């Protein structure tokens, strides 16, 4: 059993993640900003903790994190005003990393996006640029933090049913269901091979992994694997 603190506890992925973790015996603290969301969060088995990560300093965040075994950052400003995007997706995320180190919690999993790279290609005048810039900065800070990190980069999120299959370094936008992202987070938390890695993925397509045909084994084939296999 592990104690997991999830920032962004009322997000769509986090609401799918909590039941997966509690079903295997983990204790989940879901950090939420709006107390009205508490009942919904707790229906999934998590303990709701009301806190505004945008305004809390590092010491206050360390008090929240202390006593847990791992941190999952799945929070975000949700687009809109650029200043708030930077304040949450970059600055607040970075404070939780510093706070985790201060609290002695070394395991930290960041939910990022598939295009979070130095050369993400988003133009500075694009509405999406603050998000792309903020996430890249937060990911880079985490990689240099000394924490036992994993950066997960799912592609375009869908409401499709979970497949249990993912493709690493999926081409294009790498569409993936939110339910499968939640399953990847849960699996990564207990898979030592994911520590120190940036893992970009989508749902991909079945092919060689299922059929074994010559056609499916061509160099142009993109195949998905079971989540646990892909992360090993």
C-alpha atoms as a PDB file:
ATOM      1  CA  UNK A   1       0.000   0.000   0.000  1.00  0.00           C
ATOM      2  CA  UNK A   2       1.200   3.484  -0.878  1.00  0.00           C
ATOM      3  CA  UNK A   3      -0.049   6.947  -0.026  1.00  0.00           C
ATOM      4  CA  UNK A   4      -0.425   9.006  -3.200  1.00  0.00           C
ATOM      5  CA  UNK A   5      -1.188  12.727  -3.367  1.00  0.00           C
ATOM      6  CA  UNK A   6      -2.780  13.868  -6.610  1.00  0.00           C
ATOM      7  CA  UNK A   7      -2.789  17.561  -7.493  1.00  0.00           C
ATOM      8  CA  UNK A   8      -5.699  18.393  -9.747  1.00  0.00           C
ATOM      9  CA  UNK A   9      -7.848  15.814  -7.986  1.00  0.00           C
ATOM     10  CA  UNK A  10     -11.084  16.843  -9.674  1.00  0.00           C
ATOM     11  CA  UNK A  11      -9.677  16.663 -13.195  1.00  0.00           C
ATOM     12  CA  UNK A  12     -11.140  14.098 -15.565  1.00  0.00           C
ATOM     13  CA  UNK A  13      -8.018  11.927 -15.503  1.00  0.00           C
ATOM     14  CA  UNK A  14      -7.638  12.149 -11.726  1.00  0.00           C
ATOM     15  CA  UNK A  15     -11.259  11.089 -11.200  1.00  0.00           C
ATOM     16  CA  UNK A  16     -10.500   7.957 -13.235  1.00  0.00           C
ATOM     17  CA  UNK A  17      -7.161   7.404 -11.492  1.00  0.00           C
ATOM     18  CA  UNK A  18      -8.336   7.414  -7.877  1.00  0.00           C
ATOM     19  CA  UNK A  19     -10.518   4.291  -8.147  1.00  0.00           C
ATOM     20  CA  UNK A  20      -7.663   2.404  -9.817  1.00  0.00           C
ATOM     21  CA  UNK A  21      -5.319   3.256  -6.965  1.00  0.00           C
ATOM     22  CA  UNK A  22      -7.749   2.620  -4.132  1.00  0.00           C
ATOM     23  CA  UNK A  23      -8.811  -0.704  -5.688  1.00  0.00           C
ATOM     24  CA  UNK A  24      -5.270  -1.993  -5.239  1.00  0.00           C
ATOM     25  CA  UNK A  25      -5.099  -0.720  -1.670  1.00  0.00           C
ATOM     26  CA  UNK A  26      -3.439   2.670  -2.065  1.00  0.00           C
ATOM     27  CA  UNK A  27      -4.565   5.703  -0.088  1.00  0.00           C
ATOM     28  CA  UNK A  28      -5.246   8.738  -2.276  1.00  0.00           C
ATOM     29  CA  UNK A  29      -5.277  12.386  -1.264  1.00  0.00           C
ATOM     30  CA  UNK A  30      -6.962  14.409  -4.002  1.00  0.00           C
ATOM     31  CA  UNK A  31      -6.060  18.091  -3.850  1.00  0.00           C
ATOM     32  CA  UNK A  32      -8.920  20.260  -5.096  1.00  0.00           C
ATOM     33  CA  UNK A  33      -9.519  23.998  -5.221  1.00  0.00           C
ATOM     34  CA  UNK A  34     -13.309  24.016  -5.041  1.00  0.00           C
ATOM     35  CA  UNK A  35     -14.846  22.452  -1.912  1.00  0.00           C
ATOM     36  CA  UNK A  36     -18.019  21.757  -3.888  1.00  0.00           C
ATOM     37  CA  UNK A  37     -16.088  19.046  -5.735  1.00  0.00           C
ATOM     38  CA  UNK A  38     -15.257  17.133  -2.571  1.00  0.00           C
ATOM     39  CA  UNK A  39     -18.196  14.741  -2.646  1.00  0.00           C
ATOM     40  CA  UNK A  40     -17.543  13.677  -6.233  1.00  0.00           C
ATOM     41  CA  UNK A  41     -13.850  13.101  -5.523  1.00  0.00           C
ATOM     42  CA  UNK A  42     -14.591  11.016  -2.448  1.00  0.00           C
ATOM     43  CA  UNK A  43     -17.038   8.836  -4.374  1.00  0.00           C
ATOM     44  CA  UNK A  44     -13.960   7.487  -6.156  1.00  0.00           C
ATOM     45  CA  UNK A  45     -12.361   6.503  -2.868  1.00  0.00           C
ATOM     46  CA  UNK A  46      -9.979   9.447  -2.459  1.00  0.00           C
ATOM     47  CA  UNK A  47      -9.746  11.813   0.471  1.00  0.00           C
ATOM     48  CA  UNK A  48     -10.474  15.347  -0.711  1.00  0.00           C
ATOM     49  CA  UNK A  49      -8.097  18.063   0.470  1.00  0.00           C
ATOM     50  CA  UNK A  50      -9.101  21.634  -0.337  1.00  0.00           C
ATOM     51  CA  UNK A  51      -6.064  23.769  -1.156  1.00  0.00           C
ATOM     52  CA  UNK A  52      -5.271  26.455  -3.716  1.00  0.00           C
ATOM     53  CA  UNK A  53      -1.929  25.434  -5.203  1.00  0.00           C
ATOM     54  CA  UNK A  54      -1.722  28.725  -7.078  1.00  0.00           C
ATOM     55  CA  UNK A  55      -1.414  30.678  -3.830  1.00  0.00           C
ATOM     56  CA  UNK A  56       0.356  28.254  -1.467  1.00  0.00           C
ATOM     57  CA  UNK A  57       4.082  28.698  -0.925  1.00  0.00           C
ATOM     58  CA  UNK A  58       6.631  25.887  -0.911  1.00  0.00           C
ATOM     59  CA  UNK A  59       6.564  25.361   2.846  1.00  0.00           C
ATOM     60  CA  UNK A  60       2.777  25.065   2.889  1.00  0.00           C
ATOM     61  CA  UNK A  61       2.867  22.614   0.006  1.00  0.00           C
ATOM     62  CA  UNK A  62       5.514  20.570   1.800  1.00  0.00           C
ATOM     63  CA  UNK A  63       3.168  20.202   4.769  1.00  0.00           C
ATOM     64  CA  UNK A  64       0.481  18.849   2.440  1.00  0.00           C
ATOM     65  CA  UNK A  65       2.864  16.450   0.706  1.00  0.00           C
ATOM     66  CA  UNK A  66       4.698  15.193   3.796  1.00  0.00           C
ATOM     67  CA  UNK A  67       3.808  11.632   4.762  1.00  0.00           C
ATOM     68  CA  UNK A  68       2.932  10.518   1.242  1.00  0.00           C
ATOM     69  CA  UNK A  69       4.944   8.099  -0.854  1.00  0.00           C
ATOM     70  CA  UNK A  70       4.430   9.735  -4.246  1.00  0.00           C
ATOM     71  CA  UNK A  71       3.188  12.920  -5.896  1.00  0.00           C
ATOM     72  CA  UNK A  72       1.118  13.023  -9.074  1.00  0.00           C
ATOM     73  CA  UNK A  73       0.787  16.401 -10.781  1.00  0.00           C
ATOM     74  CA  UNK A  74      -2.350  16.355 -12.919  1.00  0.00           C
ATOM     75  CA  UNK A  75      -3.394  19.958 -12.293  1.00  0.00           C
ATOM     76  CA  UNK A  76      -3.627  22.771 -14.800  1.00  0.00           C
ATOM     77  CA  UNK A  77      -5.158  26.151 -15.401  1.00  0.00           C
ATOM     78  CA  UNK A  78      -7.218  24.775 -18.257  1.00  0.00           C
ATOM     79  CA  UNK A  79      -6.165  27.366 -20.799  1.00  0.00           C
ATOM     80  CA  UNK A  80      -7.470  30.889 -20.907  1.00  0.00           C
ATOM     81  CA  UNK A  81      -5.429  33.717 -19.450  1.00  0.00           C
ATOM     82  CA  UNK A  82      -1.717  33.305 -20.110  1.00  0.00           C
ATOM     83  CA  UNK A  83      -0.641  34.663 -16.717  1.00  0.00           C
ATOM     84  CA  UNK A  84      -2.704  32.060 -14.879  1.00  0.00           C
ATOM     85  CA  UNK A  85      -1.434  29.287 -17.139  1.00  0.00           C
ATOM     86  CA  UNK A  86       2.126  30.168 -16.152  1.00  0.00           C
ATOM     87  CA  UNK A  87       1.107  30.559 -12.506  1.00  0.00           C
ATOM     88  CA  UNK A  88      -0.367  27.046 -12.308  1.00  0.00           C
ATOM     89  CA  UNK A  89       1.178  24.866 -15.021  1.00  0.00           C
ATOM     90  CA  UNK A  90       4.704  26.158 -14.454  1.00  0.00           C
ATOM     91  CA  UNK A  91       5.148  28.007 -11.170  1.00  0.00           C
ATOM     92  CA  UNK A  92       2.825  26.017  -8.891  1.00  0.00           C
ATOM     93  CA  UNK A  93       4.044  22.753 -10.390  1.00  0.00           C
ATOM     94  CA  UNK A  94       7.642  23.725  -9.708  1.00  0.00           C
ATOM     95  CA  UNK A  95       6.815  24.663  -6.117  1.00  0.00           C
ATOM     96  CA  UNK A  96       5.372  21.197  -5.548  1.00  0.00           C
ATOM     97  CA  UNK A  97       8.609  19.682  -6.812  1.00  0.00           C
ATOM     98  CA  UNK A  98      10.630  21.754  -4.374  1.00  0.00           C
ATOM     99  CA  UNK A  99       8.108  20.926  -1.671  1.00  0.00           C
ATOM    100  CA  UNK A 100       8.344  17.204  -2.387  1.00  0.00           C
ATOM    101  CA  UNK A 101      12.112  17.369  -1.966  1.00  0.00           C
ATOM    102  CA  UNK A 102      11.738  19.311   1.261  1.00  0.00           C
ATOM    103  CA  UNK A 103       9.177  16.818   2.566  1.00  0.00           C
ATOM    104  CA  UNK A 104      11.365  13.833   1.717  1.00  0.00           C
ATOM    105  CA  UNK A 105       8.965  12.475  -0.905  1.00  0.00           C
ATOM    106  CA  UNK A 106      11.157  11.466  -3.818  1.00  0.00           C
ATOM    107  CA  UNK A 107       8.676   9.865  -6.221  1.00  0.00           C
ATOM    108  CA  UNK A 108       7.078  12.424  -8.515  1.00  0.00           C
ATOM    109  CA  UNK A 109       4.998  11.780 -11.609  1.00  0.00           C
ATOM    110  CA  UNK A 110       4.173  14.636 -13.983  1.00  0.00           C
ATOM    111  CA  UNK A 111       1.259  14.426 -16.405  1.00  0.00           C
ATOM    112  CA  UNK A 112       2.465  16.491 -19.345  1.00  0.00           C
ATOM    113  CA  UNK A 113       1.657  16.257 -23.069  1.00  0.00           C
ATOM    114  CA  UNK A 114       3.158  14.508 -26.057  1.00  0.00           C
ATOM    115  CA  UNK A 115       4.535  17.695 -27.627  1.00  0.00           C
ATOM    116  CA  UNK A 116       6.338  19.035 -24.569  1.00  0.00           C
ATOM    117  CA  UNK A 117       9.771  19.541 -26.108  1.00  0.00           C
ATOM    118  CA  UNK A 118      12.161  22.432 -26.587  1.00  0.00           C
ATOM    119  CA  UNK A 119      11.198  22.448 -30.256  1.00  0.00           C
ATOM    120  CA  UNK A 120       7.464  22.059 -29.689  1.00  0.00           C
ATOM    121  CA  UNK A 121       6.798  24.264 -32.691  1.00  0.00           C
ATOM    122  CA  UNK A 122       4.005  26.352 -31.158  1.00  0.00           C
ATOM    123  CA  UNK A 123       4.342  29.942 -32.317  1.00  0.00           C
ATOM    124  CA  UNK A 124       4.656  32.651 -29.601  1.00  0.00           C
ATOM    125  CA  UNK A 125       1.513  34.419 -30.820  1.00  0.00           C
ATOM    126  CA  UNK A 126      -0.613  31.252 -30.638  1.00  0.00           C
ATOM    127  CA  UNK A 127      -3.165  30.852 -27.848  1.00  0.00           C
ATOM    128  CA  UNK A 128      -1.624  27.470 -27.003  1.00  0.00           C
ATOM    129  CA  UNK A 129       1.884  28.872 -26.566  1.00  0.00           C
ATOM    130  CA  UNK A 130       1.662  29.705 -22.813  1.00  0.00           C
ATOM    131  CA  UNK A 131       0.639  26.128 -22.069  1.00  0.00           C
ATOM    132  CA  UNK A 132       3.341  24.626 -24.275  1.00  0.00           C
ATOM    133  CA  UNK A 133       5.963  26.943 -22.788  1.00  0.00           C
ATOM    134  CA  UNK A 134       4.836  26.413 -19.188  1.00  0.00           C
ATOM    135  CA  UNK A 135       4.712  22.625 -19.443  1.00  0.00           C
ATOM    136  CA  UNK A 136       8.143  22.451 -21.065  1.00  0.00           C
ATOM    137  CA  UNK A 137       9.620  24.596 -18.302  1.00  0.00           C
ATOM    138  CA  UNK A 138       8.016  22.474 -15.581  1.00  0.00           C
ATOM    139  CA  UNK A 139       9.143  19.217 -17.202  1.00  0.00           C
ATOM    140  CA  UNK A 140      12.712  20.474 -17.529  1.00  0.00           C
ATOM    141  CA  UNK A 141      12.772  21.592 -13.906  1.00  0.00           C
ATOM    142  CA  UNK A 142      11.542  18.175 -12.798  1.00  0.00           C
ATOM    143  CA  UNK A 143      14.179  16.362 -14.836  1.00  0.00           C
ATOM    144  CA  UNK A 144      16.885  18.414 -13.105  1.00  0.00           C
ATOM    145  CA  UNK A 145      15.299  18.247  -9.630  1.00  0.00           C
ATOM    146  CA  UNK A 146      16.995  15.104  -8.339  1.00  0.00           C
ATOM    147  CA  UNK A 147      13.599  13.540  -7.627  1.00  0.00           C
ATOM    148  CA  UNK A 148      12.674  10.049  -8.802  1.00  0.00           C
ATOM    149  CA  UNK A 149      10.612  11.461 -11.610  1.00  0.00           C
ATOM    150  CA  UNK A 150       8.527  10.218 -14.484  1.00  0.00           C
ATOM    151  CA  UNK A 151       7.197  12.605 -17.132  1.00  0.00           C
ATOM    152  CA  UNK A 152       4.199  11.182 -18.961  1.00  0.00           C
ATOM    153  CA  UNK A 153       3.352  12.736 -22.319  1.00  0.00           C
ATOM    154  CA  UNK A 154      -0.024  11.523 -23.543  1.00  0.00           C
ATOM    155  CA  UNK A 155      -1.310  12.664 -26.912  1.00  0.00           C
ATOM    156  CA  UNK A 156      -4.693  14.191 -27.685  1.00  0.00           C
ATOM    157  CA  UNK A 157      -7.110  13.123 -24.962  1.00  0.00           C
ATOM    158  CA  UNK A 158     -10.349  11.395 -25.897  1.00  0.00           C
ATOM    159  CA  UNK A 159     -13.410  10.067 -24.076  1.00  0.00           C
ATOM    160  CA  UNK A 160     -13.085   6.682 -25.778  1.00  0.00           C
ATOM    161  CA  UNK A 161     -13.374   3.475 -23.804  1.00  0.00           C
ATOM    162  CA  UNK A 162     -10.064   2.210 -22.396  1.00  0.00           C
ATOM    163  CA  UNK A 163      -8.138  -0.271 -24.501  1.00  0.00           C
ATOM    164  CA  UNK A 164      -5.393  -1.248 -22.073  1.00  0.00           C
ATOM    165  CA  UNK A 165      -2.952  -0.719 -24.961  1.00  0.00           C
ATOM    166  CA  UNK A 166      -0.522   2.105 -25.659  1.00  0.00           C
ATOM    167  CA  UNK A 167       2.098   2.916 -28.266  1.00  0.00           C
ATOM    168  CA  UNK A 168       5.263   4.644 -27.135  1.00  0.00           C
ATOM    169  CA  UNK A 169       6.357   7.632 -29.230  1.00  0.00           C
ATOM    170  CA  UNK A 170       3.087   7.448 -31.141  1.00  0.00           C
ATOM    171  CA  UNK A 171       3.124   9.355 -34.427  1.00  0.00           C
ATOM    172  CA  UNK A 172       1.073  12.463 -35.059  1.00  0.00           C
ATOM    173  CA  UNK A 173      -1.144  13.676 -32.257  1.00  0.00           C
ATOM    174  CA  UNK A 174      -1.124  10.321 -30.495  1.00  0.00           C
ATOM    175  CA  UNK A 175      -4.806  10.216 -29.523  1.00  0.00           C
ATOM    176  CA  UNK A 176      -5.381   8.340 -26.274  1.00  0.00           C
ATOM    177  CA  UNK A 177      -8.344   7.800 -23.996  1.00  0.00           C
ATOM    178  CA  UNK A 178      -8.331   9.491 -20.618  1.00  0.00           C
ATOM    179  CA  UNK A 179      -9.062   6.138 -19.004  1.00  0.00           C
ATOM    180  CA  UNK A 180      -5.905   4.667 -20.521  1.00  0.00           C
ATOM    181  CA  UNK A 181      -3.888   7.671 -19.321  1.00  0.00           C
ATOM    182  CA  UNK A 182      -5.154   7.003 -15.805  1.00  0.00           C
ATOM    183  CA  UNK A 183      -4.111   3.367 -16.159  1.00  0.00           C
ATOM    184  CA  UNK A 184      -0.647   4.417 -17.352  1.00  0.00           C
ATOM    185  CA  UNK A 185      -0.227   6.660 -14.301  1.00  0.00           C
ATOM    186  CA  UNK A 186      -1.253   3.844 -11.963  1.00  0.00           C
ATOM    187  CA  UNK A 187       1.122   1.396 -13.630  1.00  0.00           C
ATOM    188  CA  UNK A 188       4.029   3.847 -13.774  1.00  0.00           C
ATOM    189  CA  UNK A 189       3.829   4.505 -10.053  1.00  0.00           C
ATOM    190  CA  UNK A 190       4.744   0.893  -9.313  1.00  0.00           C
ATOM    191  CA  UNK A 191       7.060   0.228 -12.264  1.00  0.00           C
ATOM    192  CA  UNK A 192      10.681   1.023 -11.312  1.00  0.00           C
ATOM    193  CA  UNK A 193      11.676   1.088 -14.992  1.00  0.00           C
ATOM    194  CA  UNK A 194       9.728   4.327 -15.453  1.00  0.00           C
ATOM    195  CA  UNK A 195      11.884   6.328 -13.020  1.00  0.00           C
ATOM    196  CA  UNK A 196      14.006   8.915 -14.780  1.00  0.00           C
ATOM    197  CA  UNK A 197      12.094   8.573 -18.049  1.00  0.00           C
ATOM    198  CA  UNK A 198       9.978  10.811 -20.255  1.00  0.00           C
ATOM    199  CA  UNK A 199       7.308   8.582 -21.789  1.00  0.00           C
ATOM    200  CA  UNK A 200       5.319   9.902 -24.748  1.00  0.00           C
ATOM    201  CA  UNK A 201       2.421   7.739 -25.862  1.00  0.00           C
ATOM    202  CA  UNK A 202      -0.915   7.318 -27.574  1.00  0.00           C
ATOM    203  CA  UNK A 203      -3.303   4.405 -27.950  1.00  0.00           C
ATOM    204  CA  UNK A 204      -1.762   3.412 -31.278  1.00  0.00           C
ATOM    205  CA  UNK A 205      -3.188   0.547 -33.287  1.00  0.00           C
ATOM    206  CA  UNK A 206      -3.127  -3.185 -32.814  1.00  0.00           C
ATOM    207  CA  UNK A 207      -1.031  -5.082 -35.316  1.00  0.00           C
ATOM    208  CA  UNK A 208       2.054  -7.188 -34.816  1.00  0.00           C
ATOM    209  CA  UNK A 209       1.328  -7.497 -31.124  1.00  0.00           C
ATOM    210  CA  UNK A 210      -1.910  -9.337 -31.944  1.00  0.00           C
ATOM    211  CA  UNK A 211      -1.691 -10.774 -35.452  1.00  0.00           C
ATOM    212  CA  UNK A 212       1.979 -11.525 -35.966  1.00  0.00           C
ATOM    213  CA  UNK A 213       1.470 -11.271 -39.709  1.00  0.00           C
ATOM    214  CA  UNK A 214       4.230 -10.269 -42.098  1.00  0.00           C
ATOM    215  CA  UNK A 215       2.195  -7.268 -43.173  1.00  0.00           C
ATOM    216  CA  UNK A 216       1.876  -6.026 -39.599  1.00  0.00           C
ATOM    217  CA  UNK A 217       5.624  -6.321 -39.079  1.00  0.00           C
ATOM    218  CA  UNK A 218       6.606  -3.815 -41.748  1.00  0.00           C
ATOM    219  CA  UNK A 219       8.754  -0.836 -40.847  1.00  0.00           C
ATOM    220  CA  UNK A 220       5.771   1.483 -41.312  1.00  0.00           C
ATOM    221  CA  UNK A 221       3.610  -0.444 -38.854  1.00  0.00           C
ATOM    222  CA  UNK A 222       2.723   1.201 -35.556  1.00  0.00           C
ATOM    223  CA  UNK A 223       1.573  -1.250 -32.926  1.00  0.00           C
ATOM    224  CA  UNK A 224       0.312  -0.929 -29.399  1.00  0.00           C
ATOM    225  CA  UNK A 225       1.254  -3.083 -26.440  1.00  0.00           C
ATOM    226  CA  UNK A 226      -0.361  -3.769 -23.073  1.00  0.00           C
ATOM    227  CA  UNK A 227       0.401  -0.901 -20.731  1.00  0.00           C
ATOM    228  CA  UNK A 228       2.497  -2.946 -18.316  1.00  0.00           C
ATOM    229  CA  UNK A 229       4.570  -4.382 -21.174  1.00  0.00           C
ATOM    230  CA  UNK A 230       5.126  -0.991 -22.783  1.00  0.00           C
ATOM    231  CA  UNK A 231       6.360   0.550 -19.525  1.00  0.00           C
ATOM    232  CA  UNK A 232       8.703  -2.277 -18.555  1.00  0.00           C
END
